[in-house]
């Protein structure tokens, strides 16, 4: 059973026990395995003796909608279609819907709900999704349940915002062990015997036909017909669960053993590359955790007893595994803690008081270089290292982890005000990055301005006591020659 702390009803409408089917409205955890939301929908279908409709929509009206983001999601939809077909459960119907023009999908969820017993959806605490779910809850004639399948720690296991990784890590060390025994069912749709469902109601299929096979197959011409931003191009990296698992396997077998020492080195590149797949829900943090710990021959009995918040030693795993777990669990879920408890997570005023004060004190300081948003976007600054990082973002939809911090610090230094710098970082990251629009990416952006950090001396121009970084120091500390060549020469 899905733990009760993982789900909640979002309205007071009843469960309609004489409805035709159960609907899983898949909006964030875009996968058919290791998914508490899908598991909860299956539980309802079994209890009510009804078939299940997995409804995965992709609208075009969201901010920053582009070929890049759309295609990554569509790759995942193709995977989901194949996985539902392979499950051969006649009681599960997959309905992928890609909106062809603005507002064409308006009313589709309500139409499905008119035939439904209950609607289950995802609890993703970021971007436009919380507002969309809240609006739907008021309109639907049946119960809408929202399920948290974000991370190892349930969102509702905390009742406050943590202000540092250290304090959150100490909390995890005390509280997380109680939740490690709870894992989503690996494959929730393959076994339950549900009544067969061949087609959705004809009036729904006429008005809102499912995504065309050509579009799901990655046809570029079909993608070009959609009214989205075609200037942000598709990247080589494919979306979907199949690609995510391939990336995970490659990381565990080829890069994990050098992660602790090489994660910050652009030329050695020990990154996992999983953040886009985690963001779009193509792979579960639970599956990633289980796969990692299987390579470590780990069990909960190896957990340490020191709950002081120290980074090393508590997990009882190898050095590299623990270093990566701090990113996967501590830092990733710290961002989810913020966005689940505050709707101001993307606003300048959410910064710590000390950071706002020191940045205000130095807001009028002279900037040696000042760039417009379009100059930043085009990687047209005086700094070759910054330009290389932005070029990686433009071409591949990502920036190397360490260089992303430098990327943000320089935007702060080269922009007329810290508020404008924040706006530029959000715009560039959310427009081009596959893992943008995510709690974890907002953590990284706001860290540049002092969130989750402390004052640092000496006090500097523009930065005040916000942590400073320079391209010169970065070039001295890291191996970046091949990185610079790759993103400066067009290779």
Protein backbone atom coordinates (compact mmCIF):
# COMPACT_ATOMS: atom_id res chain seq x y z
CA UNK A 1 0.00 0.00 0.00
CA UNK A 2 1.10 3.56 -0.67
CA UNK A 3 2.03 5.14 2.69
CA UNK A 4 -0.66 7.56 3.88
CA UNK A 5 1.87 10.36 4.29
CA UNK A 6 2.38 10.23 0.52
CA UNK A 7 -1.15 11.14 -0.60
CA UNK A 8 -3.93 13.59 0.18
CA UNK A 9 -7.32 14.53 -1.22
CA UNK A 10 -7.42 17.95 -2.87
CA UNK A 11 -11.18 18.43 -2.88
CA UNK A 12 -14.32 17.29 -1.07
CA UNK A 13 -15.96 15.61 -4.05
CA UNK A 14 -16.88 11.94 -3.56
CA UNK A 15 -15.44 8.81 -5.07
CA UNK A 16 -18.01 7.80 -7.70
CA UNK A 17 -18.16 4.04 -7.25
CA UNK A 18 -20.35 3.52 -10.32
CA UNK A 19 -17.93 5.36 -12.62
CA UNK A 20 -16.47 3.69 -15.70
CA UNK A 21 -12.75 3.84 -14.88
CA UNK A 22 -10.05 5.30 -12.64
CA UNK A 23 -7.91 8.10 -14.11
CA UNK A 24 -4.23 8.65 -13.39
CA UNK A 25 -3.46 12.19 -14.53
CA UNK A 26 0.30 11.88 -15.15
CA UNK A 27 1.84 15.37 -15.05
CA UNK A 28 5.19 15.06 -13.24
CA UNK A 29 6.18 11.43 -12.59
CA UNK A 30 6.18 10.47 -16.24
CA UNK A 31 6.99 6.78 -15.83
CA UNK A 32 5.13 3.50 -15.41
CA UNK A 33 7.43 1.96 -12.79
CA UNK A 34 8.62 2.93 -9.30
CA UNK A 35 5.79 5.47 -9.18
CA UNK A 36 3.69 5.96 -6.05
CA UNK A 37 1.06 7.94 -8.00
CA UNK A 38 0.47 5.14 -10.49
CA UNK A 39 0.55 2.62 -7.67
CA UNK A 40 -2.17 4.56 -5.82
CA UNK A 41 -4.31 4.70 -8.97
CA UNK A 42 -3.93 0.93 -9.38
CA UNK A 43 -5.01 0.46 -5.75
CA UNK A 44 -8.19 2.39 -6.48
CA UNK A 45 -8.83 0.41 -9.68
CA UNK A 46 -8.45 -2.89 -7.82
CA UNK A 47 -10.68 -1.78 -4.94
CA UNK A 48 -13.42 -0.51 -7.27
CA UNK A 49 -13.11 -3.27 -9.85
CA UNK A 50 -12.62 -0.78 -12.67
CA UNK A 51 -10.08 -0.35 -15.51
CA UNK A 52 -7.38 2.29 -15.35
CA UNK A 53 -6.74 5.15 -17.77
CA UNK A 54 -3.22 6.60 -17.67
CA UNK A 55 -3.73 10.09 -19.06
CA UNK A 56 -0.43 11.84 -19.89
CA UNK A 57 -0.95 15.31 -21.41
CA UNK A 58 1.60 17.75 -22.79
CA UNK A 59 0.26 21.27 -23.14
CA UNK A 60 1.87 23.99 -25.23
CA UNK A 61 0.92 27.04 -23.18
CA UNK A 62 3.52 26.67 -20.45
CA UNK A 63 6.30 29.25 -20.23
CA UNK A 64 9.50 28.32 -22.11
CA UNK A 65 7.74 25.62 -24.18
CA UNK A 66 10.21 24.68 -26.92
CA UNK A 67 11.33 21.92 -29.26
CA UNK A 68 13.99 20.96 -26.70
CA UNK A 69 11.65 20.48 -23.75
CA UNK A 70 8.78 19.08 -25.78
CA UNK A 71 10.88 16.43 -27.50
CA UNK A 72 12.40 15.27 -24.23
CA UNK A 73 8.92 14.77 -22.78
CA UNK A 74 7.67 13.13 -25.98
CA UNK A 75 10.54 10.62 -25.84
CA UNK A 76 9.22 9.63 -22.45
CA UNK A 77 5.65 9.36 -23.74
CA UNK A 78 6.82 6.94 -26.44
CA UNK A 79 8.51 4.86 -23.74
CA UNK A 80 5.36 4.84 -21.65
CA UNK A 81 3.23 3.76 -24.59
CA UNK A 82 5.58 0.85 -25.25
CA UNK A 83 5.70 -0.18 -21.60
CA UNK A 84 1.93 -0.19 -21.20
CA UNK A 85 1.64 -2.27 -24.38
CA UNK A 86 4.29 -4.69 -23.08
CA UNK A 87 2.42 -5.11 -19.78
CA UNK A 88 -0.45 -6.69 -21.76
CA UNK A 89 -2.94 -5.70 -19.11
CA UNK A 90 -6.19 -5.17 -20.96
CA UNK A 91 -7.49 -3.21 -18.01
CA UNK A 92 -4.89 -0.43 -18.46
CA UNK A 93 -5.25 2.09 -21.27
CA UNK A 94 -2.57 4.69 -21.98
CA UNK A 95 -3.84 8.00 -23.38
CA UNK A 96 -1.02 10.35 -24.52
CA UNK A 97 -2.34 13.77 -25.47
CA UNK A 98 -0.16 16.49 -27.05
CA UNK A 99 -1.96 19.79 -27.37
CA UNK A 100 -1.87 20.95 -31.03
CA UNK A 101 -2.74 24.60 -30.39
CA UNK A 102 -3.30 26.88 -27.39
CA UNK A 103 -6.17 25.84 -25.10
CA UNK A 104 -7.20 22.93 -27.33
CA UNK A 105 -6.88 20.62 -24.32
CA UNK A 106 -9.10 22.80 -22.16
CA UNK A 107 -11.92 20.70 -20.74
CA UNK A 108 -10.29 17.33 -21.47
CA UNK A 109 -9.56 16.42 -17.84
CA UNK A 110 -13.07 17.45 -16.82
CA UNK A 111 -14.52 15.32 -19.62
CA UNK A 112 -12.56 12.29 -18.42
CA UNK A 113 -13.63 12.99 -14.85
CA UNK A 114 -17.29 12.89 -15.88
CA UNK A 115 -16.79 9.19 -16.55
CA UNK A 116 -14.32 8.51 -13.74
CA UNK A 117 -14.61 7.03 -10.28
CA UNK A 118 -11.64 8.99 -8.97
CA UNK A 119 -8.72 10.99 -10.40
CA UNK A 120 -5.19 10.52 -9.06
CA UNK A 121 -2.38 12.93 -9.92
CA UNK A 122 1.19 13.91 -9.03
CA UNK A 123 2.32 16.21 -6.21
CA UNK A 124 5.20 18.18 -7.73
CA UNK A 125 5.85 21.36 -5.70
CA UNK A 126 7.23 23.65 -8.41
CA UNK A 127 6.62 25.55 -11.64
CA UNK A 128 2.96 25.93 -12.72
CA UNK A 129 1.87 22.47 -11.59
CA UNK A 130 0.65 23.30 -8.04
CA UNK A 131 -1.60 26.06 -9.38
CA UNK A 132 -2.90 23.81 -12.17
CA UNK A 133 -3.82 21.05 -9.73
CA UNK A 134 -5.47 23.48 -7.30
CA UNK A 135 -7.61 24.90 -10.11
CA UNK A 136 -8.60 21.42 -11.31
CA UNK A 137 -9.54 20.33 -7.79
CA UNK A 138 -12.21 23.02 -7.59
CA UNK A 139 -13.80 21.98 -10.90
CA UNK A 140 -13.75 18.18 -10.89
CA UNK A 141 -16.95 16.36 -9.93
CA UNK A 142 -15.04 13.44 -8.34
CA UNK A 143 -12.31 13.11 -5.76
CA UNK A 144 -8.88 14.32 -6.83
CA UNK A 145 -6.02 12.70 -4.94
CA UNK A 146 -2.48 14.00 -5.17
CA UNK A 147 0.47 11.68 -4.52
CA UNK A 148 4.07 12.48 -3.61
CA UNK A 149 6.64 10.33 -5.44
CA UNK A 150 9.41 12.95 -5.45
CA UNK A 151 12.11 11.62 -3.17
CA UNK A 152 13.11 9.29 -0.36
CA UNK A 153 11.72 11.65 2.29
CA UNK A 154 7.99 12.40 1.95
CA UNK A 155 7.33 16.11 1.45
CA UNK A 156 4.98 16.16 4.44
CA UNK A 157 7.59 14.64 6.75
CA UNK A 158 8.88 18.19 7.38
CA UNK A 159 6.97 21.13 8.81
CA UNK A 160 9.52 23.89 8.25
CA UNK A 161 11.99 25.27 5.72
CA UNK A 162 15.60 24.27 6.32
CA UNK A 163 18.10 27.06 5.76
CA UNK A 164 21.26 24.99 5.22
CA UNK A 165 22.31 21.62 3.87
CA UNK A 166 23.93 20.90 7.24
CA UNK A 167 20.70 21.31 9.23
CA UNK A 168 18.68 19.36 6.66
CA UNK A 169 21.28 16.58 6.59
CA UNK A 170 21.08 16.27 10.38
CA UNK A 171 17.28 16.01 10.10
CA UNK A 172 17.58 13.34 7.42
CA UNK A 173 19.98 11.33 9.53
CA UNK A 174 17.41 11.23 12.34
CA UNK A 175 14.20 10.81 10.33
CA UNK A 176 14.99 9.19 6.98
CA UNK A 177 15.67 5.63 8.27
CA UNK A 178 11.97 5.25 9.09
CA UNK A 179 11.10 5.79 5.42
CA UNK A 180 13.80 3.71 3.73
CA UNK A 181 11.76 0.54 4.11
CA UNK A 182 8.97 2.09 2.01
CA UNK A 183 9.63 1.78 -1.71
CA UNK A 184 7.20 2.07 -4.63
CA UNK A 185 6.15 -1.13 -6.36
CA UNK A 186 8.54 -1.82 -9.22
CA UNK A 187 5.87 -2.57 -11.85
CA UNK A 188 2.36 -1.73 -10.61
CA UNK A 189 0.45 -2.34 -13.87
CA UNK A 190 1.61 -5.79 -14.94
CA UNK A 191 -0.21 -8.01 -12.44
CA UNK A 192 -3.60 -6.69 -11.28
CA UNK A 193 -6.52 -8.30 -13.12
CA UNK A 194 -8.67 -5.31 -14.07
CA UNK A 195 -11.75 -5.28 -16.30
CA UNK A 196 -10.80 -4.68 -19.96
CA UNK A 197 -11.03 -1.24 -21.52
CA UNK A 198 -10.51 -0.92 -25.27
CA UNK A 199 -11.56 2.65 -25.97
CA UNK A 200 -12.33 5.92 -24.26
CA UNK A 201 -15.80 7.47 -24.80
CA UNK A 202 -16.25 8.41 -28.47
CA UNK A 203 -16.99 12.08 -27.78
CA UNK A 204 -13.64 12.44 -26.01
CA UNK A 205 -11.70 10.71 -28.78
CA UNK A 206 -13.34 12.91 -31.44
CA UNK A 207 -12.58 16.21 -29.72
CA UNK A 208 -9.22 15.28 -28.22
CA UNK A 209 -7.55 12.56 -30.30
CA UNK A 210 -4.41 10.97 -28.81
CA UNK A 211 -0.94 11.97 -29.98
CA UNK A 212 -0.12 10.83 -33.49
CA UNK A 213 2.29 7.93 -33.90
CA UNK A 214 4.64 10.06 -36.03
CA UNK A 215 4.93 12.67 -33.30
CA UNK A 216 5.61 10.02 -30.65
CA UNK A 217 8.21 8.48 -32.94
CA UNK A 218 10.20 11.73 -32.96
CA UNK A 219 9.21 13.07 -36.38
CA UNK A 220 10.84 16.51 -36.65
CA UNK A 221 8.29 17.82 -39.16
CA UNK A 222 5.43 16.97 -36.80
CA UNK A 223 7.16 18.78 -33.95
CA UNK A 224 7.57 21.86 -36.14
CA UNK A 225 3.79 22.13 -36.57
CA UNK A 226 3.33 22.89 -32.87
CA UNK A 227 3.24 26.60 -31.89
CA UNK A 228 6.20 26.46 -29.50
CA UNK A 229 9.67 28.06 -29.48
CA UNK A 230 11.53 26.43 -32.36
CA UNK A 231 14.68 28.50 -31.73
CA UNK A 232 15.59 26.29 -28.73
CA UNK A 233 16.55 23.17 -30.59
CA UNK A 234 16.32 19.50 -29.70
CA UNK A 235 19.49 18.12 -28.13
CA UNK A 236 21.22 14.82 -28.74
CA UNK A 237 20.32 13.48 -25.30
CA UNK A 238 17.06 11.52 -25.46
CA UNK A 239 14.38 11.52 -22.82
CA UNK A 240 12.46 8.59 -21.39
CA UNK A 241 12.94 5.77 -18.92
CA UNK A 242 15.02 3.64 -21.29
CA UNK A 243 17.56 6.41 -21.80
CA UNK A 244 17.52 7.23 -18.08
CA UNK A 245 18.34 3.66 -17.10
CA UNK A 246 21.10 3.48 -19.68
CA UNK A 247 22.58 6.68 -18.26
CA UNK A 248 22.30 5.32 -14.71
CA UNK A 249 23.99 2.06 -15.64
CA UNK A 250 26.82 3.89 -17.38
CA UNK A 251 27.38 6.12 -14.38
CA UNK A 252 27.41 3.27 -11.87
CA UNK A 253 29.78 1.13 -13.93
CA UNK A 254 32.09 3.77 -15.42
CA UNK A 255 32.06 6.98 -13.37
CA UNK A 256 30.94 6.36 -9.79
CA UNK A 257 34.35 5.07 -8.67
CA UNK A 258 35.92 8.47 -9.43
CA UNK A 259 33.00 10.70 -8.42
CA UNK A 260 34.37 11.87 -5.07
CA UNK A 261 37.64 13.11 -6.59
CA UNK A 262 36.55 14.13 -10.10
CA UNK A 263 32.97 15.42 -9.91
CA UNK A 264 34.13 19.04 -10.10
CA UNK A 265 36.54 18.44 -13.00
CA UNK A 266 35.03 19.38 -16.38
CA UNK A 267 37.67 17.49 -18.38
CA UNK A 268 37.26 14.30 -16.32
CA UNK A 269 33.44 14.58 -16.23
CA UNK A 270 32.20 12.13 -13.61
CA UNK A 271 28.64 13.51 -13.70
CA UNK A 272 25.70 11.14 -13.53
CA UNK A 273 23.68 13.15 -16.08
CA UNK A 274 20.46 12.06 -14.39
CA UNK A 275 19.02 15.43 -13.37
CA UNK A 276 16.84 15.90 -16.51
CA UNK A 277 15.37 12.43 -16.06
CA UNK A 278 14.68 13.04 -12.39
CA UNK A 279 13.13 16.41 -13.23
CA UNK A 280 10.71 15.04 -15.84
CA UNK A 281 9.99 11.95 -13.75
CA UNK A 282 11.42 9.52 -16.29
CA UNK A 283 13.26 7.77 -13.48
CA UNK A 284 12.53 7.58 -9.77
CA UNK A 285 14.90 8.68 -7.01
CA UNK A 286 13.90 5.41 -5.30
CA UNK A 287 15.06 3.32 -8.25
CA UNK A 288 18.29 5.30 -8.50
CA UNK A 289 18.91 4.82 -4.78
CA UNK A 290 18.20 1.10 -4.92
CA UNK A 291 20.44 0.62 -7.95
CA UNK A 292 23.29 2.51 -6.31
CA UNK A 293 23.01 0.63 -3.04
CA UNK A 294 22.89 -2.71 -4.83
CA UNK A 295 26.33 -1.95 -6.26
CA UNK A 296 27.47 -1.19 -2.70
CA UNK A 297 25.98 -4.42 -1.28
CA UNK A 298 24.34 -2.12 1.25
CA UNK A 299 21.54 -2.63 3.75
CA UNK A 300 19.96 -0.26 6.30
CA UNK A 301 21.88 -2.11 9.01
CA UNK A 302 24.98 -0.24 7.79
CA UNK A 303 23.56 3.19 8.67
CA UNK A 304 25.69 5.08 11.17
CA UNK A 305 24.54 6.33 14.55
CA UNK A 306 26.11 9.78 14.30
CA UNK A 307 23.28 12.18 13.41
CA UNK A 308 25.24 15.42 13.72
CA UNK A 309 24.86 16.40 10.06
CA UNK A 310 28.33 15.39 8.93
CA UNK A 311 28.60 14.55 5.24
CA UNK A 312 30.81 11.48 5.50
CA UNK A 313 30.21 8.17 7.22
CA UNK A 314 26.51 8.12 8.04
CA UNK A 315 25.33 6.05 5.08
CA UNK A 316 27.86 3.29 5.69
CA UNK A 317 28.69 3.17 1.98
CA UNK A 318 31.85 3.84 -0.03
CA UNK A 319 33.40 7.29 -0.32
CA UNK A 320 32.14 7.90 -3.86
CA UNK A 321 28.66 6.57 -3.15
CA UNK A 322 28.33 8.81 -0.11
CA UNK A 323 29.50 11.85 -2.07
CA UNK A 324 26.86 11.22 -4.71
CA UNK A 325 24.15 10.44 -2.12
CA UNK A 326 24.73 13.88 -0.67
CA UNK A 327 23.76 15.34 -4.06
CA UNK A 328 20.92 12.90 -4.80
CA UNK A 329 19.30 13.03 -1.36
CA UNK A 330 20.52 15.96 0.75
CA UNK A 331 20.85 18.72 -1.83
CA UNK A 332 18.11 17.56 -4.18
CA UNK A 333 15.51 17.09 -1.46
CA UNK A 334 16.55 20.30 0.30
CA UNK A 335 15.21 22.13 -2.76
CA UNK A 336 11.95 20.19 -2.57
CA UNK A 337 11.69 21.15 1.09
CA UNK A 338 11.78 24.84 0.12
CA UNK A 339 9.30 24.70 -2.75
CA UNK A 340 6.83 22.49 -0.86
CA UNK A 341 6.64 24.95 2.05
CA UNK A 342 6.79 28.30 0.26
CA UNK A 343 5.28 29.69 -2.92
CA UNK A 344 7.92 32.48 -2.81
CA UNK A 345 10.81 30.14 -3.61
CA UNK A 346 11.51 31.93 -6.92
CA UNK A 347 11.31 35.49 -5.54
CA UNK A 348 14.26 37.67 -4.56
CA UNK A 349 12.66 38.40 -1.20
CA UNK A 350 13.00 34.73 -0.22
CA UNK A 351 16.77 35.18 0.17
CA UNK A 352 18.20 35.23 3.71
CA UNK A 353 18.07 38.66 5.36
CA UNK A 354 21.87 38.89 5.55
CA UNK A 355 22.19 38.27 1.80
CA UNK A 356 19.57 40.87 0.91
CA UNK A 357 21.25 43.39 3.20
CA UNK A 358 24.78 42.94 1.83
CA UNK A 359 23.63 42.89 -1.79
CA UNK A 360 21.59 46.06 -1.21
CA UNK A 361 24.63 47.74 0.35
CA UNK A 362 26.65 47.05 -2.81
CA UNK A 363 23.88 47.39 -5.41
CA UNK A 364 25.27 50.69 -6.69
CA UNK A 365 28.88 49.50 -6.92
CA UNK A 366 30.59 50.00 -10.26
CA UNK A 367 30.55 46.95 -12.54
CA UNK A 368 33.59 46.55 -14.77
CA UNK A 369 31.46 44.70 -17.32
CA UNK A 370 27.70 44.88 -17.85
CA UNK A 371 25.79 42.70 -20.31
CA UNK A 372 22.24 42.53 -21.60
CA UNK A 373 20.19 39.34 -21.47
CA UNK A 374 20.62 38.74 -25.20
CA UNK A 375 24.41 39.05 -24.86
CA UNK A 376 24.44 36.50 -22.05
CA UNK A 377 22.17 34.20 -24.06
CA UNK A 378 24.48 34.36 -27.07
CA UNK A 379 27.58 33.59 -24.94
CA UNK A 380 29.04 36.96 -25.98
CA UNK A 381 30.99 38.09 -22.94
CA UNK A 382 34.69 38.88 -22.55
CA UNK A 383 35.27 35.67 -20.53
CA UNK A 384 36.06 32.50 -22.57
CA UNK A 385 35.27 30.18 -19.65
CA UNK A 386 31.87 31.74 -19.03
CA UNK A 387 31.13 31.66 -22.75
CA UNK A 388 32.05 27.97 -22.86
CA UNK A 389 29.63 27.17 -20.01
CA UNK A 390 26.82 29.09 -21.72
CA UNK A 391 27.64 27.37 -25.02
CA UNK A 392 27.29 23.98 -23.33
CA UNK A 393 23.88 25.10 -22.08
CA UNK A 394 22.84 26.26 -25.55
CA UNK A 395 23.99 23.10 -27.33
CA UNK A 396 23.32 20.38 -24.80
CA UNK A 397 20.79 21.76 -22.32
CA UNK A 398 23.14 21.46 -19.35
CA UNK A 399 26.18 23.05 -17.69
CA UNK A 400 28.84 21.17 -15.79
CA UNK A 401 27.89 21.26 -12.09
CA UNK A 402 30.86 23.29 -10.83
CA UNK A 403 30.83 25.67 -13.77
CA UNK A 404 27.13 26.33 -13.29
CA UNK A 405 28.02 27.96 -9.96
CA UNK A 406 30.63 30.15 -11.64
CA UNK A 407 28.15 30.90 -14.46
CA UNK A 408 25.69 32.32 -11.93
CA UNK A 409 28.29 34.26 -9.93
CA UNK A 410 29.47 36.06 -13.06
CA UNK A 411 25.91 36.98 -14.04
CA UNK A 412 25.58 38.61 -10.61
CA UNK A 413 28.86 40.47 -11.15
CA UNK A 414 28.03 41.65 -14.69
CA UNK A 415 24.42 42.77 -14.23
CA UNK A 416 23.23 46.21 -13.01
CA UNK A 417 21.39 44.83 -9.94
CA UNK A 418 21.09 41.54 -8.06
CA UNK A 419 17.36 41.47 -8.80
CA UNK A 420 18.04 41.71 -12.51
CA UNK A 421 20.75 39.06 -12.21
CA UNK A 422 18.23 36.70 -10.61
CA UNK A 423 15.79 37.30 -13.45
CA UNK A 424 18.50 36.62 -16.03
CA UNK A 425 19.58 33.38 -14.35
CA UNK A 426 16.03 32.09 -14.13
CA UNK A 427 15.31 32.99 -17.75
CA UNK A 428 18.46 31.43 -19.16
CA UNK A 429 18.30 28.31 -17.02
CA UNK A 430 14.59 27.65 -17.50
CA UNK A 431 14.65 28.34 -21.22
CA UNK A 432 17.66 26.21 -22.16
CA UNK A 433 18.32 23.67 -19.41
CA UNK A 434 16.63 20.28 -19.55
CA UNK A 435 16.65 20.22 -15.75
CA UNK A 436 15.37 23.79 -15.31
CA UNK A 437 12.02 24.71 -13.72
CA UNK A 438 12.87 22.29 -10.90
CA UNK A 439 13.24 22.73 -7.12
CA UNK A 440 16.86 21.66 -7.38
CA UNK A 441 17.69 24.14 -10.13
CA UNK A 442 16.11 26.98 -8.13
CA UNK A 443 18.36 25.92 -5.22
CA UNK A 444 21.40 26.35 -7.45
CA UNK A 445 20.31 29.73 -8.77
CA UNK A 446 19.49 31.12 -5.33
CA UNK A 447 22.68 29.66 -3.83
CA UNK A 448 24.53 32.11 -6.08
CA UNK A 449 22.84 34.91 -4.12
CA UNK A 450 23.27 33.41 -0.64
CA UNK A 451 20.52 30.85 -0.05
CA UNK A 452 21.81 27.84 1.95
CA UNK A 453 25.12 29.67 2.43
CA UNK A 454 26.67 32.05 5.00
CA UNK A 455 28.53 35.37 4.85
CA UNK A 456 32.10 35.17 3.53
CA UNK A 457 34.94 37.61 3.95
CA UNK A 458 36.56 39.73 2.81
CA UNK A 459 33.71 42.04 1.81
CA UNK A 460 33.92 42.70 -1.94
CA UNK A 461 32.53 45.07 -4.48
CA UNK A 462 29.11 43.99 -5.89
CA UNK A 463 29.09 40.74 -3.85
CA UNK A 464 29.46 42.19 -0.37
CA UNK A 465 29.79 39.12 1.84
CA UNK A 466 28.05 36.76 -0.62
CA UNK A 467 30.49 34.02 -1.64
CA UNK A 468 32.74 35.11 -4.51
CA UNK A 469 34.05 32.99 -7.40
CA UNK A 470 36.37 33.96 -10.24
CA UNK A 471 37.19 32.45 -13.61
CA UNK A 472 40.89 32.87 -12.88
CA UNK A 473 40.76 30.77 -9.71
CA UNK A 474 38.58 28.20 -11.43
CA UNK A 475 41.09 27.83 -14.26
CA UNK A 476 43.89 27.36 -11.74
CA UNK A 477 42.01 24.78 -9.68
CA UNK A 478 40.43 22.62 -12.38
CA UNK A 479 41.33 20.75 -15.55
CA UNK A 480 39.37 22.63 -18.21
CA UNK A 481 41.55 22.65 -21.33
CA UNK A 482 39.50 20.05 -23.25
CA UNK A 483 36.27 21.64 -22.02
CA UNK A 484 37.32 25.02 -23.37
CA UNK A 485 38.40 23.53 -26.68
CA UNK A 486 35.14 21.65 -27.07
CA UNK A 487 32.84 24.58 -26.41
CA UNK A 488 34.97 27.24 -28.03
CA UNK A 489 35.72 25.55 -31.35
CA UNK A 490 32.29 24.20 -32.22
CA UNK A 491 33.29 20.54 -32.00
